[in-house]
């Protein structure tokens, strides 16, 4: 774990140090941190990072959403998840699914991706397998705009917890 930094010290980091410290917060999307580095100082780091996401174009936001792996999906099976994603999915028990649970996740992931064109995003550290599956089923009824908003909100929660892990 990295030692906590006060906000004044975070704002004073040079560009390279800021990117090195926070570059992995957003799944395969270092552009968020690159932009955020140029927009400091922040009164609140998490709010500043999320402001960068919300100011991004719709295409960039979709790319950020699509950079996330499916839950209990191919990347988990192939063990190609980022270290953070692997730990987060394991915390919700997604690395220990029964055959029936795996089949249900696979079917819901496929239905969700077919409907929305991107993976289902939820902050798995704030729920469990049953909660995730219920949310997947419930959110399949949403429209695309609702799901883009929900995905970005969940990414915000993921990043908030990852920031807490750094502090």
Foldseek 3Di string as FASTA:
>chain_A
DADDDPLVVLLVDQLVVQCVLQQPLQQVCSVLSNVLNVVDDDPDVLVSSLVSLVPDDPVSLQVSQQSDDAQLDDCQVVVVGDPLVNVQSVLQVSNPDDPVLSVLSVVLQVLQCVQAVHGQAARSNVDHSVVVSVCSVVCSPPHNVVRSVVRSVRSSVSSVVVVVVND
